[in-house]
Amino acid sequence: MRALGYRSGLLAVILAAALALSSCSSFREPDVTLIDVDFVGISGDGLRFKMMARVENPNDFSASIERVEYRIYGDGVELAEGKWSESVPVPARGSVEVRVPFVLKWKGGQTILESMFDDDEHEWRFKGSVELRKGPITRVFPFSESGTIHTPSGLTNL
């Protein structure tokens, strides 16, 4: 009789774990949006910035952002790349803002900065991947955001 109780308890634990894992295995893709960029300083590698990105969790369960890998382009030229690793909790159906450092490389960055004074439109792209974790389950999702920037006409007269 005791063996039957033990097996029933073990079966209940296994079923509960399987249900918990199956509910997390259907991760939905988070939405990553670039919302702000702040100048930090100058280094030997280039101009240092911190970008603020919003990561929205569309899932019915909380998770944590474990890693963000990214590349930033201006007019098709890669201006920055990097990785950010820090465990940040994001609530179910909620969002969190993360500050991610990057360096605008001197090579390539100088060309795009000089072209910003031509009273024209310039394309930018922010793309990469974000890793979400819920317990033992980890999923990596790609993201990409792009747009155009128009130089204000007053800058061309400097």
Protein backbone atom coordinates (compact mmCIF):
# COMPACT_ATOMS: atom_id res chain seq x y z
CA MET A 1 0.00 0.00 0.00
CA ARG A 2 2.82 2.36 0.84
CA ALA A 3 4.45 1.80 -2.58
CA LEU A 4 1.19 2.78 -4.30
CA GLY A 5 1.02 6.07 -2.35
CA TYR A 6 4.64 6.83 -3.25
CA ARG A 7 4.00 6.15 -6.95
CA SER A 8 0.86 8.28 -6.94
CA GLY A 9 2.75 11.16 -5.33
CA LEU A 10 5.62 10.79 -7.80
CA LEU A 11 3.16 10.68 -10.71
CA ALA A 12 1.46 13.85 -9.43
CA VAL A 13 4.82 15.66 -9.21
CA ILE A 14 5.79 14.54 -12.74
CA LEU A 15 2.41 15.65 -14.14
CA ALA A 16 2.64 19.04 -12.40
CA ALA A 17 6.16 19.58 -13.76
CA ALA A 18 5.07 18.55 -17.27
CA LEU A 19 2.14 20.99 -17.17
CA ALA A 20 4.37 23.82 -15.93
CA LEU A 21 6.95 23.15 -18.64
CA SER A 22 4.36 22.84 -21.40
CA SER A 23 2.77 26.18 -20.48
CA CYS A 24 6.18 27.90 -20.76
CA SER A 25 7.25 26.06 -23.90
CA SER A 26 4.89 28.18 -26.00
CA PHE A 27 6.83 31.43 -25.54
CA ARG A 28 5.47 34.20 -27.70
CA GLU A 29 7.95 36.59 -29.28
CA PRO A 30 8.72 39.71 -27.22
CA ASP A 31 8.56 43.15 -28.81
CA VAL A 32 11.83 45.13 -28.61
CA THR A 33 11.68 48.88 -29.30
CA LEU A 34 14.48 51.44 -29.25
CA ILE A 35 13.12 54.39 -27.27
CA ASP A 36 16.07 56.64 -26.42
CA VAL A 37 19.82 57.12 -26.84
CA ASP A 38 22.04 59.10 -24.46
CA PHE A 39 25.60 60.29 -25.14
CA VAL A 40 28.00 59.05 -22.43
CA GLY A 41 31.48 60.07 -23.57
CA ILE A 42 34.42 59.53 -25.89
CA SER A 43 36.88 56.64 -25.91
CA GLY A 44 39.66 55.37 -28.12
CA ASP A 45 37.13 53.11 -29.88
CA GLY A 46 34.59 55.83 -30.65
CA LEU A 47 31.69 57.71 -29.13
CA ARG A 48 30.06 55.97 -26.14
CA PHE A 49 26.27 55.89 -25.80
CA LYS A 50 23.61 54.11 -23.79
CA MET A 51 20.42 53.17 -25.55
CA MET A 52 17.15 52.57 -23.80
CA ALA A 53 15.21 49.64 -25.21
CA ARG A 54 11.76 48.53 -24.12
CA VAL A 55 11.16 44.79 -24.03
CA GLU A 56 7.48 43.82 -23.88
CA ASN A 57 6.53 40.33 -22.71
CA PRO A 58 3.28 39.23 -24.43
CA ASN A 59 3.18 35.96 -22.49
CA ASP A 60 0.79 35.01 -19.70
CA PHE A 61 3.77 34.26 -17.45
CA SER A 62 6.66 36.31 -16.12
CA ALA A 63 10.12 35.63 -17.50
CA SER A 64 13.56 37.17 -17.35
CA ILE A 65 15.63 38.80 -20.04
CA GLU A 66 19.00 37.11 -19.87
CA ARG A 67 20.83 38.54 -22.86
CA VAL A 68 20.48 41.05 -25.70
CA GLU A 69 22.77 40.95 -28.74
CA TYR A 70 22.51 43.77 -31.24
CA ARG A 71 23.86 45.64 -34.23
CA ILE A 72 23.11 49.24 -35.17
CA TYR A 73 23.31 50.44 -38.78
CA GLY A 74 23.20 53.88 -40.39
CA ASP A 75 22.64 54.04 -44.15
CA GLY A 76 23.61 50.37 -44.37
CA VAL A 77 26.93 50.85 -42.54
CA GLU A 78 27.39 48.93 -39.28
CA LEU A 79 27.98 51.53 -36.61
CA ALA A 80 27.88 49.46 -33.43
CA GLU A 81 27.50 45.92 -32.18
CA GLY A 82 27.49 44.35 -28.80
CA LYS A 83 26.10 42.06 -26.15
CA TRP A 84 24.42 42.84 -22.89
CA SER A 85 23.95 40.13 -20.27
CA GLU A 86 22.04 40.74 -17.08
CA SER A 87 19.06 38.92 -15.65
CA VAL A 88 16.13 41.37 -15.62
CA PRO A 89 12.64 40.18 -14.66
CA VAL A 90 9.75 41.17 -16.92
CA PRO A 91 6.19 40.63 -15.70
CA ALA A 92 3.53 38.66 -17.54
CA ARG A 93 1.97 40.88 -20.23
CA GLY A 94 4.25 43.67 -19.03
CA SER A 95 7.35 45.48 -20.15
CA VAL A 96 10.69 46.59 -18.82
CA GLU A 97 13.19 49.16 -20.05
CA VAL A 98 16.84 48.20 -20.23
CA ARG A 99 19.86 50.45 -20.75
CA VAL A 100 22.33 48.89 -23.15
CA PRO A 101 25.77 50.47 -23.73
CA PHE A 102 27.23 50.77 -27.21
CA VAL A 103 30.14 52.48 -28.93
CA LEU A 104 29.70 54.32 -32.23
CA LYS A 105 32.86 53.12 -33.94
CA TRP A 106 35.20 55.74 -35.36
CA LYS A 107 35.43 53.71 -38.58
CA GLY A 108 32.08 54.02 -40.35
CA GLY A 109 30.70 56.33 -37.68
CA GLN A 110 32.65 59.32 -38.97
CA THR A 111 31.16 58.89 -42.44
CA ILE A 112 27.60 58.71 -41.18
CA LEU A 113 28.09 61.68 -38.83
CA GLU A 114 29.47 63.81 -41.66
CA SER A 115 26.55 62.85 -43.91
CA MET A 116 24.05 63.92 -41.23
CA PHE A 117 24.61 67.56 -42.24
CA ASP A 118 23.34 67.15 -45.82
CA ASP A 119 19.62 67.99 -45.29
CA ASP A 120 18.59 64.53 -46.47
CA GLU A 121 16.93 61.42 -45.06
CA HIS A 122 19.07 58.67 -43.57
CA GLU A 123 18.10 55.10 -42.77
CA TRP A 124 18.82 53.46 -39.44
CA ARG A 125 18.33 49.89 -38.31
CA PHE A 126 18.51 48.25 -34.88
CA LYS A 127 18.52 44.47 -35.01
CA GLY A 128 19.58 41.53 -32.95
CA SER A 129 18.20 38.94 -30.57
CA VAL A 130 16.80 38.79 -27.05
CA GLU A 131 16.96 35.72 -24.79
CA LEU A 132 14.02 35.05 -22.46
CA ARG A 133 14.13 32.51 -19.63
CA LYS A 134 11.38 30.95 -17.58
CA GLY A 135 12.80 28.44 -15.15
CA PRO A 136 14.81 25.86 -17.09
CA ILE A 137 13.41 26.94 -20.47
CA THR A 138 15.26 29.50 -22.57
CA ARG A 139 14.20 30.88 -25.97
CA VAL A 140 16.07 33.30 -28.23
CA PHE A 141 14.02 35.63 -30.42
CA PRO A 142 15.27 37.85 -33.25
CA PHE A 143 14.14 41.47 -33.50
CA SER A 144 14.56 44.27 -36.03
CA GLU A 145 13.45 47.86 -36.06
CA SER A 146 14.25 50.49 -38.66
CA GLY A 147 13.31 53.96 -39.73
CA THR A 148 14.57 57.18 -41.22
CA ILE A 149 16.05 60.33 -39.74
CA HIS A 150 15.84 63.66 -41.55
CA THR A 151 18.49 66.25 -40.81
CA PRO A 152 16.86 69.49 -39.65
CA SER A 153 17.49 72.21 -42.22
CA GLY A 154 19.15 74.46 -39.61
CA LEU A 155 22.05 72.03 -39.22
CA THR A 156 23.09 72.41 -42.85
CA ASN A 157 23.93 76.10 -42.26
CA LEU A 158 26.51 75.41 -39.51
